[in-house]
């Protein structure tokens, strides 16, 4: 294993070997490239994922961090991750539990060593590269551990299925929903929100339909004073955000439908505030449309 990590190729030479006569300089160059790939590519993919999905779903959140097109979203995500609480299950071994992320990530970094980026751009040329990848990315255990896991009814399916923390959180959420009678509360809020939106539809000609179920309601806009429905929706959304309310938009660039999904823990006053903001945002938008 040591010789593999040092970059001793079995066949051929990489571009780095042709650049550097000194073995250690070549090793340092290979290490830097592998680590840069490991650190930068996930950031680029994450950034693209944020922006592409934000455009597909017309989400405002990923576009707000930073002055231009939400460029600082990844920075905001990093700050959020640093502030997350480090929760260790009571019955877990703290050292092993804390070491688990490194155990999962180190094999991934090592796998990058044998991945060729071109016929000459690679860190290590292995004839058994695919088998090396399979070996490093696999997880194995002893018969004793497997038997003990079987006795305790443990069966691994996916990462979070067997995670006790989300299971405990889910049980607590169900407990709170029952304790605080949030189902009945959501029905009360739904009726209040639906009635308020229907009143807005009677007041504003640019609203074509109000539909939905429970606290997931849609406010569909129609063309008004020469402006398309999606244009009105976007302007109402931006104005409402300036007034203090963020609404999740679905189809803002096609159908012009605003999706409203307030949490079941909000209050009647907050529903009324949202309706008031929508009323003012729509009024401003339609007045600007009439002025041309």
C-alpha atoms as a PDB file:
ATOM      1  CA  UNK A   1       0.000   0.000   0.000  1.00  0.00           C
ATOM      2  CA  UNK A   2       2.843   2.403   0.817  1.00  0.00           C
ATOM      3  CA  UNK A   3       4.334   2.014  -2.650  1.00  0.00           C
ATOM      4  CA  UNK A   4       0.951   2.715  -4.208  1.00  0.00           C
ATOM      5  CA  UNK A   5       0.530   5.941  -2.279  1.00  0.00           C
ATOM      6  CA  UNK A   6       4.055   7.021  -3.189  1.00  0.00           C
ATOM      7  CA  UNK A   7       3.113   6.903  -6.853  1.00  0.00           C
ATOM      8  CA  UNK A   8       5.344   4.078  -8.107  1.00  0.00           C
ATOM      9  CA  UNK A   9       3.680   3.263 -11.414  1.00  0.00           C
ATOM     10  CA  UNK A  10       3.841  -0.300 -12.636  1.00  0.00           C
ATOM     11  CA  UNK A  11       3.620   0.544 -16.337  1.00  0.00           C
ATOM     12  CA  UNK A  12       4.386   3.797 -18.130  1.00  0.00           C
ATOM     13  CA  UNK A  13       5.072   7.219 -16.706  1.00  0.00           C
ATOM     14  CA  UNK A  14       2.658   9.980 -15.934  1.00  0.00           C
ATOM     15  CA  UNK A  15       2.987  13.554 -17.086  1.00  0.00           C
ATOM     16  CA  UNK A  16       4.326  14.464 -13.644  1.00  0.00           C
ATOM     17  CA  UNK A  17       7.152  11.935 -13.935  1.00  0.00           C
ATOM     18  CA  UNK A  18       8.203  13.514 -17.228  1.00  0.00           C
ATOM     19  CA  UNK A  19       8.142  16.980 -15.672  1.00  0.00           C
ATOM     20  CA  UNK A  20      10.162  16.170 -12.558  1.00  0.00           C
ATOM     21  CA  UNK A  21      13.300  14.088 -12.364  1.00  0.00           C
ATOM     22  CA  UNK A  22      13.139  14.123  -8.578  1.00  0.00           C
ATOM     23  CA  UNK A  23      10.829  11.453  -7.167  1.00  0.00           C
ATOM     24  CA  UNK A  24       9.705  13.582  -4.227  1.00  0.00           C
ATOM     25  CA  UNK A  25       8.868  16.592  -6.390  1.00  0.00           C
ATOM     26  CA  UNK A  26       6.755  14.364  -8.621  1.00  0.00           C
ATOM     27  CA  UNK A  27       5.057  12.931  -5.539  1.00  0.00           C
ATOM     28  CA  UNK A  28       4.296  16.395  -4.164  1.00  0.00           C
ATOM     29  CA  UNK A  29       2.880  17.500  -7.541  1.00  0.00           C
ATOM     30  CA  UNK A  30       0.665  14.405  -7.735  1.00  0.00           C
ATOM     31  CA  UNK A  31      -0.546  14.930  -4.162  1.00  0.00           C
ATOM     32  CA  UNK A  32      -1.399  18.575  -4.838  1.00  0.00           C
ATOM     33  CA  UNK A  33      -3.357  17.724  -8.005  1.00  0.00           C
ATOM     34  CA  UNK A  34      -5.292  14.919  -6.315  1.00  0.00           C
ATOM     35  CA  UNK A  35      -6.184  17.091  -3.307  1.00  0.00           C
ATOM     36  CA  UNK A  36      -7.152  20.052  -5.495  1.00  0.00           C
ATOM     37  CA  UNK A  37      -9.418  17.773  -7.525  1.00  0.00           C
ATOM     38  CA  UNK A  38     -10.917  16.386  -4.319  1.00  0.00           C
ATOM     39  CA  UNK A  39     -11.518  19.850  -2.840  1.00  0.00           C
ATOM     40  CA  UNK A  40     -12.511  21.872  -5.902  1.00  0.00           C
ATOM     41  CA  UNK A  41     -14.671  19.531  -7.995  1.00  0.00           C
ATOM     42  CA  UNK A  42     -17.288  18.951  -5.236  1.00  0.00           C
ATOM     43  CA  UNK A  43     -17.518  22.724  -4.768  1.00  0.00           C
ATOM     44  CA  UNK A  44     -18.048  23.288  -8.494  1.00  0.00           C
ATOM     45  CA  UNK A  45     -20.620  20.484  -8.724  1.00  0.00           C
ATOM     46  CA  UNK A  46     -22.365  21.800  -5.608  1.00  0.00           C
ATOM     47  CA  UNK A  47     -22.456  25.326  -7.004  1.00  0.00           C
ATOM     48  CA  UNK A  48     -23.860  24.132 -10.333  1.00  0.00           C
ATOM     49  CA  UNK A  49     -26.417  21.954  -8.546  1.00  0.00           C
ATOM     50  CA  UNK A  50     -27.567  24.919  -6.470  1.00  0.00           C
ATOM     51  CA  UNK A  51     -27.952  27.206  -9.462  1.00  0.00           C
ATOM     52  CA  UNK A  52     -29.457  24.716 -11.939  1.00  0.00           C
ATOM     53  CA  UNK A  53     -32.058  23.444  -9.468  1.00  0.00           C
ATOM     54  CA  UNK A  54     -32.774  27.001  -8.347  1.00  0.00           C
ATOM     55  CA  UNK A  55     -33.603  27.960 -11.940  1.00  0.00           C
ATOM     56  CA  UNK A  56     -35.588  24.763 -12.564  1.00  0.00           C
ATOM     57  CA  UNK A  57     -37.653  25.257  -9.395  1.00  0.00           C
ATOM     58  CA  UNK A  58     -37.544  29.063  -9.444  1.00  0.00           C
ATOM     59  CA  UNK A  59     -36.127  29.100  -5.916  1.00  0.00           C
ATOM     60  CA  UNK A  60     -34.976  32.431  -4.536  1.00  0.00           C
ATOM     61  CA  UNK A  61     -32.819  31.195  -1.657  1.00  0.00           C
ATOM     62  CA  UNK A  62     -29.686  30.096  -3.580  1.00  0.00           C
ATOM     63  CA  UNK A  63     -29.735  33.399  -5.479  1.00  0.00           C
ATOM     64  CA  UNK A  64     -29.649  35.702  -2.437  1.00  0.00           C
ATOM     65  CA  UNK A  65     -26.258  35.020  -0.778  1.00  0.00           C
ATOM     66  CA  UNK A  66     -23.884  37.478  -2.415  1.00  0.00           C
ATOM     67  CA  UNK A  67     -24.509  40.497  -4.589  1.00  0.00           C
ATOM     68  CA  UNK A  68     -24.325  38.733  -7.962  1.00  0.00           C
ATOM     69  CA  UNK A  69     -26.369  35.634  -8.671  1.00  0.00           C
ATOM     70  CA  UNK A  70     -25.858  34.255  -5.172  1.00  0.00           C
ATOM     71  CA  UNK A  71     -22.115  33.726  -5.632  1.00  0.00           C
ATOM     72  CA  UNK A  72     -21.582  33.365  -1.865  1.00  0.00           C
ATOM     73  CA  UNK A  73     -24.049  30.504  -1.413  1.00  0.00           C
ATOM     74  CA  UNK A  74     -21.294  27.930  -0.898  1.00  0.00           C
ATOM     75  CA  UNK A  75     -19.695  30.209   1.698  1.00  0.00           C
ATOM     76  CA  UNK A  76     -23.038  30.458   3.487  1.00  0.00           C
ATOM     77  CA  UNK A  77     -23.379  26.669   3.373  1.00  0.00           C
ATOM     78  CA  UNK A  78     -19.903  26.321   4.868  1.00  0.00           C
ATOM     79  CA  UNK A  79     -20.775  28.684   7.728  1.00  0.00           C
ATOM     80  CA  UNK A  80     -23.969  26.723   8.311  1.00  0.00           C
ATOM     81  CA  UNK A  81     -22.136  23.391   8.446  1.00  0.00           C
ATOM     82  CA  UNK A  82     -19.527  24.760  10.893  1.00  0.00           C
ATOM     83  CA  UNK A  83     -22.299  25.908  13.233  1.00  0.00           C
ATOM     84  CA  UNK A  84     -24.081  22.564  13.232  1.00  0.00           C
ATOM     85  CA  UNK A  85     -24.188  20.746  16.532  1.00  0.00           C
ATOM     86  CA  UNK A  86     -21.941  17.699  16.843  1.00  0.00           C
ATOM     87  CA  UNK A  87     -24.369  15.072  18.155  1.00  0.00           C
ATOM     88  CA  UNK A  88     -22.976  11.744  19.313  1.00  0.00           C
ATOM     89  CA  UNK A  89     -25.442   8.993  20.326  1.00  0.00           C
ATOM     90  CA  UNK A  90     -25.147   8.115  23.998  1.00  0.00           C
ATOM     91  CA  UNK A  91     -24.476   4.436  23.326  1.00  0.00           C
ATOM     92  CA  UNK A  92     -21.863   5.121  20.637  1.00  0.00           C
ATOM     93  CA  UNK A  93     -18.112   5.079  21.053  1.00  0.00           C
ATOM     94  CA  UNK A  94     -17.253   8.783  20.710  1.00  0.00           C
ATOM     95  CA  UNK A  95     -13.846   8.161  19.168  1.00  0.00           C
ATOM     96  CA  UNK A  96     -15.089   5.675  16.596  1.00  0.00           C
ATOM     97  CA  UNK A  97     -18.152   7.807  15.838  1.00  0.00           C
ATOM     98  CA  UNK A  98     -16.004  10.922  15.278  1.00  0.00           C
ATOM     99  CA  UNK A  99     -13.548   8.995  13.135  1.00  0.00           C
ATOM    100  CA  UNK A 100     -16.238   7.572  10.843  1.00  0.00           C
ATOM    101  CA  UNK A 101     -16.306  10.526   8.362  1.00  0.00           C
ATOM    102  CA  UNK A 102     -12.550  10.258   7.855  1.00  0.00           C
ATOM    103  CA  UNK A 103     -12.806   6.497   7.352  1.00  0.00           C
ATOM    104  CA  UNK A 104     -15.399   7.149   4.655  1.00  0.00           C
ATOM    105  CA  UNK A 105     -13.513   9.961   2.910  1.00  0.00           C
ATOM    106  CA  UNK A 106      -9.924   8.686   2.882  1.00  0.00           C
ATOM    107  CA  UNK A 107     -10.677   5.726   0.551  1.00  0.00           C
ATOM    108  CA  UNK A 108     -12.402   8.147  -1.816  1.00  0.00           C
ATOM    109  CA  UNK A 109      -9.279  10.323  -1.955  1.00  0.00           C
ATOM    110  CA  UNK A 110      -7.079   7.258  -2.515  1.00  0.00           C
ATOM    111  CA  UNK A 111      -9.333   6.140  -5.381  1.00  0.00           C
ATOM    112  CA  UNK A 112      -8.572   9.423  -7.178  1.00  0.00           C
ATOM    113  CA  UNK A 113      -4.926   8.370  -7.282  1.00  0.00           C
ATOM    114  CA  UNK A 114      -5.612   5.669  -9.892  1.00  0.00           C
ATOM    115  CA  UNK A 115      -8.212   7.536 -11.967  1.00  0.00           C
ATOM    116  CA  UNK A 116      -6.675   8.637 -15.298  1.00  0.00           C
ATOM    117  CA  UNK A 117      -7.700  12.072 -16.542  1.00  0.00           C
ATOM    118  CA  UNK A 118      -5.966  11.489 -19.892  1.00  0.00           C
ATOM    119  CA  UNK A 119      -3.501   8.963 -21.354  1.00  0.00           C
ATOM    120  CA  UNK A 120      -0.681  10.907 -19.706  1.00  0.00           C
ATOM    121  CA  UNK A 121      -2.385  12.724 -16.832  1.00  0.00           C
ATOM    122  CA  UNK A 122      -2.632  10.377 -13.868  1.00  0.00           C
ATOM    123  CA  UNK A 123      -1.047   9.942 -10.479  1.00  0.00           C
ATOM    124  CA  UNK A 124      -0.565   6.185 -10.608  1.00  0.00           C
ATOM    125  CA  UNK A 125      -0.795   3.745 -13.518  1.00  0.00           C
ATOM    126  CA  UNK A 126      -2.136   0.425 -12.260  1.00  0.00           C
ATOM    127  CA  UNK A 127      -2.985  -2.535 -14.458  1.00  0.00           C
ATOM    128  CA  UNK A 128      -5.434  -3.634 -11.746  1.00  0.00           C
ATOM    129  CA  UNK A 129      -6.906  -0.152 -11.316  1.00  0.00           C
ATOM    130  CA  UNK A 130     -10.554  -1.230 -11.356  1.00  0.00           C
ATOM    131  CA  UNK A 131      -9.930  -3.904  -8.747  1.00  0.00           C
ATOM    132  CA  UNK A 132      -8.061  -1.377  -6.622  1.00  0.00           C
ATOM    133  CA  UNK A 133     -11.071   0.964  -6.795  1.00  0.00           C
ATOM    134  CA  UNK A 134     -13.478  -1.835  -5.850  1.00  0.00           C
ATOM    135  CA  UNK A 135     -11.285  -2.914  -2.953  1.00  0.00           C
ATOM    136  CA  UNK A 136     -10.819   0.596  -1.557  1.00  0.00           C
ATOM    137  CA  UNK A 137     -14.500   1.527  -1.897  1.00  0.00           C
ATOM    138  CA  UNK A 138     -15.850  -1.662  -0.312  1.00  0.00           C
ATOM    139  CA  UNK A 139     -16.733  -2.165   3.333  1.00  0.00           C
ATOM    140  CA  UNK A 140     -16.008  -5.461   5.065  1.00  0.00           C
ATOM    141  CA  UNK A 141     -16.288  -6.770   8.582  1.00  0.00           C
ATOM    142  CA  UNK A 142     -15.572  -9.856  10.642  1.00  0.00           C
ATOM    143  CA  UNK A 143     -17.911 -12.797  11.119  1.00  0.00           C
ATOM    144  CA  UNK A 144     -18.199 -11.958  14.830  1.00  0.00           C
ATOM    145  CA  UNK A 145     -19.416  -8.414  14.122  1.00  0.00           C
ATOM    146  CA  UNK A 146     -21.795  -9.644  11.408  1.00  0.00           C
ATOM    147  CA  UNK A 147     -23.277 -12.233  13.777  1.00  0.00           C
ATOM    148  CA  UNK A 148     -23.738  -9.651  16.538  1.00  0.00           C
ATOM    149  CA  UNK A 149     -25.413  -7.231  14.107  1.00  0.00           C
ATOM    150  CA  UNK A 150     -27.726 -10.021  12.972  1.00  0.00           C
ATOM    151  CA  UNK A 151     -28.667 -10.857  16.578  1.00  0.00           C
ATOM    152  CA  UNK A 152     -29.601  -7.231  17.189  1.00  0.00           C
ATOM    153  CA  UNK A 153     -31.735  -7.085  14.049  1.00  0.00           C
ATOM    154  CA  UNK A 154     -29.446  -4.668  12.228  1.00  0.00           C
ATOM    155  CA  UNK A 155     -29.684  -4.734   8.435  1.00  0.00           C
ATOM    156  CA  UNK A 156     -27.913  -2.126   6.330  1.00  0.00           C
ATOM    157  CA  UNK A 157     -29.968  -0.790   3.427  1.00  0.00           C
ATOM    158  CA  UNK A 158     -28.920   2.808   2.848  1.00  0.00           C
ATOM    159  CA  UNK A 159     -27.007   5.408   4.827  1.00  0.00           C
ATOM    160  CA  UNK A 160     -29.887   6.975   6.764  1.00  0.00           C
ATOM    161  CA  UNK A 161     -32.248   4.016   7.095  1.00  0.00           C
ATOM    162  CA  UNK A 162     -30.251   2.666  10.025  1.00  0.00           C
ATOM    163  CA  UNK A 163     -29.280   6.034  11.472  1.00  0.00           C
ATOM    164  CA  UNK A 164     -30.714   6.275  15.020  1.00  0.00           C
ATOM    165  CA  UNK A 165     -30.593  10.077  15.121  1.00  0.00           C
ATOM    166  CA  UNK A 166     -33.130  10.763  12.310  1.00  0.00           C
ATOM    167  CA  UNK A 167     -35.317   7.999  13.741  1.00  0.00           C
ATOM    168  CA  UNK A 168     -35.276   9.675  17.160  1.00  0.00           C
ATOM    169  CA  UNK A 169     -36.024  13.059  15.574  1.00  0.00           C
ATOM    170  CA  UNK A 170     -38.934  11.579  13.598  1.00  0.00           C
ATOM    171  CA  UNK A 171     -40.432  10.073  16.758  1.00  0.00           C
ATOM    172  CA  UNK A 172     -40.107  13.412  18.552  1.00  0.00           C
ATOM    173  CA  UNK A 173     -41.767  15.226  15.629  1.00  0.00           C
ATOM    174  CA  UNK A 174     -44.718  12.829  15.749  1.00  0.00           C
ATOM    175  CA  UNK A 175     -44.920  13.351  19.507  1.00  0.00           C
ATOM    176  CA  UNK A 176     -44.994  17.154  19.127  1.00  0.00           C
ATOM    177  CA  UNK A 177     -47.609  16.997  16.344  1.00  0.00           C
ATOM    178  CA  UNK A 178     -49.889  14.974  18.602  1.00  0.00           C
ATOM    179  CA  UNK A 179     -49.119  16.940  21.774  1.00  0.00           C
ATOM    180  CA  UNK A 180     -49.695  20.375  20.227  1.00  0.00           C
ATOM    181  CA  UNK A 181     -52.650  19.231  18.087  1.00  0.00           C
ATOM    182  CA  UNK A 182     -50.942  20.538  14.988  1.00  0.00           C
ATOM    183  CA  UNK A 183     -53.246  18.652  12.614  1.00  0.00           C
ATOM    184  CA  UNK A 184     -56.261  20.581  13.905  1.00  0.00           C
ATOM    185  CA  UNK A 185     -54.150  23.742  13.931  1.00  0.00           C
ATOM    186  CA  UNK A 186     -53.155  23.256  10.300  1.00  0.00           C
ATOM    187  CA  UNK A 187     -56.781  22.823   9.258  1.00  0.00           C
ATOM    188  CA  UNK A 188     -57.611  26.135  10.961  1.00  0.00           C
ATOM    189  CA  UNK A 189     -54.730  27.890   9.217  1.00  0.00           C
ATOM    190  CA  UNK A 190     -55.625  26.314   5.888  1.00  0.00           C
ATOM    191  CA  UNK A 191     -59.170  27.631   6.020  1.00  0.00           C
ATOM    192  CA  UNK A 192     -57.929  31.089   6.942  1.00  0.00           C
ATOM    193  CA  UNK A 193     -55.308  31.146   4.175  1.00  0.00           C
ATOM    194  CA  UNK A 194     -57.660  29.767   1.514  1.00  0.00           C
ATOM    195  CA  UNK A 195     -60.362  32.306   2.355  1.00  0.00           C
ATOM    196  CA  UNK A 196     -57.814  35.124   2.284  1.00  0.00           C
ATOM    197  CA  UNK A 197     -56.484  34.077  -1.123  1.00  0.00           C
ATOM    198  CA  UNK A 198     -60.001  33.786  -2.515  1.00  0.00           C
ATOM    199  CA  UNK A 199     -60.688  37.330  -1.298  1.00  0.00           C
ATOM    200  CA  UNK A 200     -57.542  38.479  -3.111  1.00  0.00           C
ATOM    201  CA  UNK A 201     -58.758  36.778  -6.291  1.00  0.00           C
ATOM    202  CA  UNK A 202     -62.025  38.714  -6.053  1.00  0.00           C
ATOM    203  CA  UNK A 203     -60.071  41.953  -5.597  1.00  0.00           C
ATOM    204  CA  UNK A 204     -57.328  41.524  -8.230  1.00  0.00           C
ATOM    205  CA  UNK A 205     -58.109  40.697 -11.859  1.00  0.00           C
ATOM    206  CA  UNK A 206     -54.619  39.310 -12.438  1.00  0.00           C
ATOM    207  CA  UNK A 207     -55.375  36.260 -10.252  1.00  0.00           C
ATOM    208  CA  UNK A 208     -56.979  33.510 -12.286  1.00  0.00           C
ATOM    209  CA  UNK A 209     -57.296  30.681  -9.796  1.00  0.00           C
ATOM    210  CA  UNK A 210     -56.676  29.598  -6.214  1.00  0.00           C
ATOM    211  CA  UNK A 211     -56.262  25.875  -5.642  1.00  0.00           C
ATOM    212  CA  UNK A 212     -54.601  23.335  -3.419  1.00  0.00           C
ATOM    213  CA  UNK A 213     -55.126  21.297  -0.302  1.00  0.00           C
ATOM    214  CA  UNK A 214     -54.342  21.956   3.319  1.00  0.00           C
ATOM    215  CA  UNK A 215     -51.484  24.422   3.704  1.00  0.00           C
ATOM    216  CA  UNK A 216     -50.132  23.729   0.212  1.00  0.00           C
ATOM    217  CA  UNK A 217     -51.952  26.239  -1.965  1.00  0.00           C
ATOM    218  CA  UNK A 218     -51.331  27.691  -5.387  1.00  0.00           C
ATOM    219  CA  UNK A 219     -52.040  31.234  -6.570  1.00  0.00           C
ATOM    220  CA  UNK A 220     -52.208  31.281 -10.367  1.00  0.00           C
ATOM    221  CA  UNK A 221     -51.738  34.573 -12.184  1.00  0.00           C
ATOM    222  CA  UNK A 222     -53.024  35.404 -15.661  1.00  0.00           C
ATOM    223  CA  UNK A 223     -51.930  37.940 -18.265  1.00  0.00           C
ATOM    224  CA  UNK A 224     -52.802  41.484 -17.261  1.00  0.00           C
ATOM    225  CA  UNK A 225     -52.359  44.845 -19.014  1.00  0.00           C
ATOM    226  CA  UNK A 226     -50.003  43.411 -21.608  1.00  0.00           C
ATOM    227  CA  UNK A 227     -47.836  41.523 -19.128  1.00  0.00           C
ATOM    228  CA  UNK A 228     -47.549  37.742 -19.171  1.00  0.00           C
ATOM    229  CA  UNK A 229     -48.502  35.667 -16.157  1.00  0.00           C
ATOM    230  CA  UNK A 230     -44.940  34.659 -15.373  1.00  0.00           C
ATOM    231  CA  UNK A 231     -43.831  38.310 -15.500  1.00  0.00           C
ATOM    232  CA  UNK A 232     -46.487  39.266 -12.986  1.00  0.00           C
ATOM    233  CA  UNK A 233     -45.572  36.333 -10.757  1.00  0.00           C
ATOM    234  CA  UNK A 234     -41.889  37.267 -10.727  1.00  0.00           C
ATOM    235  CA  UNK A 235     -42.618  40.909  -9.927  1.00  0.00           C
ATOM    236  CA  UNK A 236     -45.074  39.991  -7.158  1.00  0.00           C
ATOM    237  CA  UNK A 237     -42.492  37.596  -5.724  1.00  0.00           C
ATOM    238  CA  UNK A 238     -39.717  40.212  -5.664  1.00  0.00           C
ATOM    239  CA  UNK A 239     -41.983  42.890  -4.219  1.00  0.00           C
ATOM    240  CA  UNK A 240     -43.288  40.541  -1.535  1.00  0.00           C
ATOM    241  CA  UNK A 241     -39.711  39.666  -0.598  1.00  0.00           C
ATOM    242  CA  UNK A 242     -38.910  43.365  -0.186  1.00  0.00           C
ATOM    243  CA  UNK A 243     -41.962  43.667   2.049  1.00  0.00           C
ATOM    244  CA  UNK A 244     -40.876  40.810   4.289  1.00  0.00           C
ATOM    245  CA  UNK A 245     -42.360  37.618   2.870  1.00  0.00           C
ATOM    246  CA  UNK A 246     -40.571  34.878   0.938  1.00  0.00           C
ATOM    247  CA  UNK A 247     -42.783  32.650  -1.206  1.00  0.00           C
ATOM    248  CA  UNK A 248     -41.663  29.511  -2.981  1.00  0.00           C
ATOM    249  CA  UNK A 249     -42.345  29.819  -6.684  1.00  0.00           C
ATOM    250  CA  UNK A 250     -42.987  26.860  -8.957  1.00  0.00           C
ATOM    251  CA  UNK A 251     -43.280  27.467 -12.676  1.00  0.00           C
ATOM    252  CA  UNK A 252     -42.555  31.174 -12.326  1.00  0.00           C
ATOM    253  CA  UNK A 253     -40.917  31.158 -15.749  1.00  0.00           C
ATOM    254  CA  UNK A 254     -43.663  29.182 -17.451  1.00  0.00           C
ATOM    255  CA  UNK A 255     -47.081  28.874 -15.852  1.00  0.00           C
ATOM    256  CA  UNK A 256     -46.885  31.820 -13.465  1.00  0.00           C
ATOM    257  CA  UNK A 257     -48.139  29.971 -10.388  1.00  0.00           C
ATOM    258  CA  UNK A 258     -47.089  30.938  -6.888  1.00  0.00           C
ATOM    259  CA  UNK A 259     -46.835  28.073  -4.427  1.00  0.00           C
ATOM    260  CA  UNK A 260     -47.621  28.910  -0.815  1.00  0.00           C
ATOM    261  CA  UNK A 261     -46.661  26.380   1.854  1.00  0.00           C
ATOM    262  CA  UNK A 262     -46.483  27.992   5.314  1.00  0.00           C
ATOM    263  CA  UNK A 263     -45.355  25.755   8.187  1.00  0.00           C
ATOM    264  CA  UNK A 264     -48.004  24.166  10.378  1.00  0.00           C
ATOM    265  CA  UNK A 265     -46.424  25.884  13.390  1.00  0.00           C
ATOM    266  CA  UNK A 266     -47.129  29.417  12.190  1.00  0.00           C
ATOM    267  CA  UNK A 267     -49.793  31.583  13.805  1.00  0.00           C
ATOM    268  CA  UNK A 268     -52.984  33.155  12.506  1.00  0.00           C
ATOM    269  CA  UNK A 269     -51.323  36.576  12.776  1.00  0.00           C
ATOM    270  CA  UNK A 270     -48.514  35.362  10.503  1.00  0.00           C
ATOM    271  CA  UNK A 271     -51.063  34.087   7.955  1.00  0.00           C
ATOM    272  CA  UNK A 272     -52.763  37.487   8.039  1.00  0.00           C
ATOM    273  CA  UNK A 273     -49.404  39.229   7.636  1.00  0.00           C
ATOM    274  CA  UNK A 274     -48.605  37.091   4.588  1.00  0.00           C
ATOM    275  CA  UNK A 275     -51.961  37.862   3.014  1.00  0.00           C
ATOM    276  CA  UNK A 276     -51.464  41.578   3.640  1.00  0.00           C
ATOM    277  CA  UNK A 277     -48.008  41.480   2.037  1.00  0.00           C
ATOM    278  CA  UNK A 278     -49.392  39.626  -0.981  1.00  0.00           C
ATOM    279  CA  UNK A 279     -52.169  42.189  -1.328  1.00  0.00           C
ATOM    280  CA  UNK A 280     -49.715  45.083  -1.281  1.00  0.00           C
ATOM    281  CA  UNK A 281     -47.277  43.325  -3.640  1.00  0.00           C
ATOM    282  CA  UNK A 282     -50.010  42.552  -6.168  1.00  0.00           C
ATOM    283  CA  UNK A 283     -51.380  46.093  -5.901  1.00  0.00           C
ATOM    284  CA  UNK A 284     -47.951  47.615  -6.631  1.00  0.00           C
ATOM    285  CA  UNK A 285     -47.368  45.236  -9.531  1.00  0.00           C
ATOM    286  CA  UNK A 286     -50.723  45.900 -11.185  1.00  0.00           C
ATOM    287  CA  UNK A 287     -50.380  49.671 -10.742  1.00  0.00           C
ATOM    288  CA  UNK A 288     -46.997  49.562 -12.491  1.00  0.00           C
ATOM    289  CA  UNK A 289     -48.541  47.426 -15.268  1.00  0.00           C
ATOM    290  CA  UNK A 290     -51.329  49.963 -15.823  1.00  0.00           C
ATOM    291  CA  UNK A 291     -48.836  52.819 -16.001  1.00  0.00           C
ATOM    292  CA  UNK A 292     -47.007  50.836 -18.689  1.00  0.00           C
END
